[in-house]
Protein backbone atom coordinates (compact mmCIF):
# COMPACT_ATOMS: atom_id res chain seq x y z
CA UNK A 1 8.31 3.20 14.26
CA UNK A 2 8.71 6.27 12.03
CA UNK A 3 10.89 7.90 14.70
CA UNK A 4 13.58 5.26 13.97
CA UNK A 5 13.80 6.32 10.30
CA UNK A 6 15.97 8.98 8.76
CA UNK A 7 14.34 12.06 7.26
CA UNK A 8 15.32 10.71 3.85
CA UNK A 9 13.63 7.38 4.52
CA UNK A 10 10.48 9.10 5.75
CA UNK A 11 10.38 11.24 2.62
CA UNK A 12 10.87 8.19 0.37
CA UNK A 13 8.16 6.22 2.17
CA UNK A 14 5.74 9.12 2.02
CA UNK A 15 6.38 9.56 -1.71
CA UNK A 16 5.86 5.84 -2.35
CA UNK A 17 2.66 5.83 -0.25
CA UNK A 18 1.29 8.80 -2.20
CA UNK A 19 1.93 7.00 -5.50
CA UNK A 20 -0.26 4.10 -4.32
CA UNK A 21 -2.88 6.30 -2.58
CA UNK A 22 -4.42 7.53 -5.83
CA UNK A 23 -7.39 9.36 -4.31
CA UNK A 24 -5.33 10.95 -1.51
CA UNK A 25 -7.60 9.72 1.28
CA UNK A 26 -4.71 8.40 3.39
CA UNK A 27 -5.30 4.73 2.69
CA UNK A 28 -4.29 2.23 0.04
CA UNK A 29 -7.04 -0.11 -1.18
CA UNK A 30 -6.92 -3.23 -3.33
CA UNK A 31 -8.38 -1.17 -6.17
CA UNK A 32 -5.62 1.43 -5.88
CA UNK A 33 -2.99 -1.30 -6.02
CA UNK A 34 -4.77 -2.54 -9.15
CA UNK A 35 -4.44 0.93 -10.66
CA UNK A 36 -0.70 0.89 -9.97
CA UNK A 37 -0.40 -2.58 -11.52
CA UNK A 38 -2.24 -1.38 -14.61
CA UNK A 39 0.10 1.59 -14.92
CA UNK A 40 2.95 -0.94 -14.94
CA UNK A 41 1.42 -2.76 -17.89
CA UNK A 42 -0.53 -5.46 -16.09
CA UNK A 43 -4.32 -5.69 -16.42
CA UNK A 44 -5.87 -7.57 -13.52
CA UNK A 45 -9.66 -7.64 -13.18
CA UNK A 46 -11.27 -6.84 -9.82
CA UNK A 47 -11.85 -10.55 -9.29
CA UNK A 48 -8.22 -11.29 -9.99
CA UNK A 49 -7.14 -8.62 -7.52
CA UNK A 50 -9.21 -10.25 -4.79
CA UNK A 51 -7.74 -13.64 -5.62
CA UNK A 52 -4.16 -12.54 -6.05
CA UNK A 53 -1.35 -11.88 -3.63
CA UNK A 54 -2.36 -8.20 -3.70
CA UNK A 55 -5.32 -8.92 -1.44
CA UNK A 56 -3.08 -11.03 0.81
CA UNK A 57 -0.60 -8.17 1.00
CA UNK A 58 -3.35 -5.76 2.07
CA UNK A 59 -4.61 -8.19 4.68
CA UNK A 60 -1.11 -8.83 6.08
CA UNK A 61 -0.36 -5.12 6.43
CA UNK A 62 -3.85 -4.11 7.58
CA UNK A 63 -3.31 -4.02 11.33
CA UNK A 64 -6.61 -2.38 12.22
CA UNK A 65 -8.67 -4.65 9.94
CA UNK A 66 -10.42 -1.95 7.91
CA UNK A 67 -9.52 -3.50 4.54
CA UNK A 68 -7.05 -0.75 3.66
CA UNK A 69 -3.43 0.13 4.40
CA UNK A 70 -2.87 3.52 6.05
CA UNK A 71 0.51 5.26 6.17
CA UNK A 72 1.54 3.85 9.55
CA UNK A 73 0.70 0.29 8.39
CA UNK A 74 2.58 0.94 5.12
CA UNK A 75 5.70 2.05 6.94
CA UNK A 76 5.47 -0.87 9.37
CA UNK A 77 5.19 -3.28 6.43
CA UNK A 78 8.27 -1.82 4.74
CA UNK A 79 10.52 -1.68 7.76
CA UNK A 80 9.59 -5.13 9.00
CA UNK A 81 10.70 -6.81 5.74
């Protein structure tokens, strides 16, 4: 999948992924998406995050079913839109 992207696109996707992956462990969790939302002025509780579309987005992109979105899943989600 990533081999079909330009170097510029890969760099942009990697930068975006790193913004979401707050702890740098290579995966985006629901909690990390909540942190990003809070930085944008929203204030969802953990319960709201589980009930919101955020959790649905994670599940839709989470190909391997581990409850997180890794870089490959992130790229796949972006290019398949």
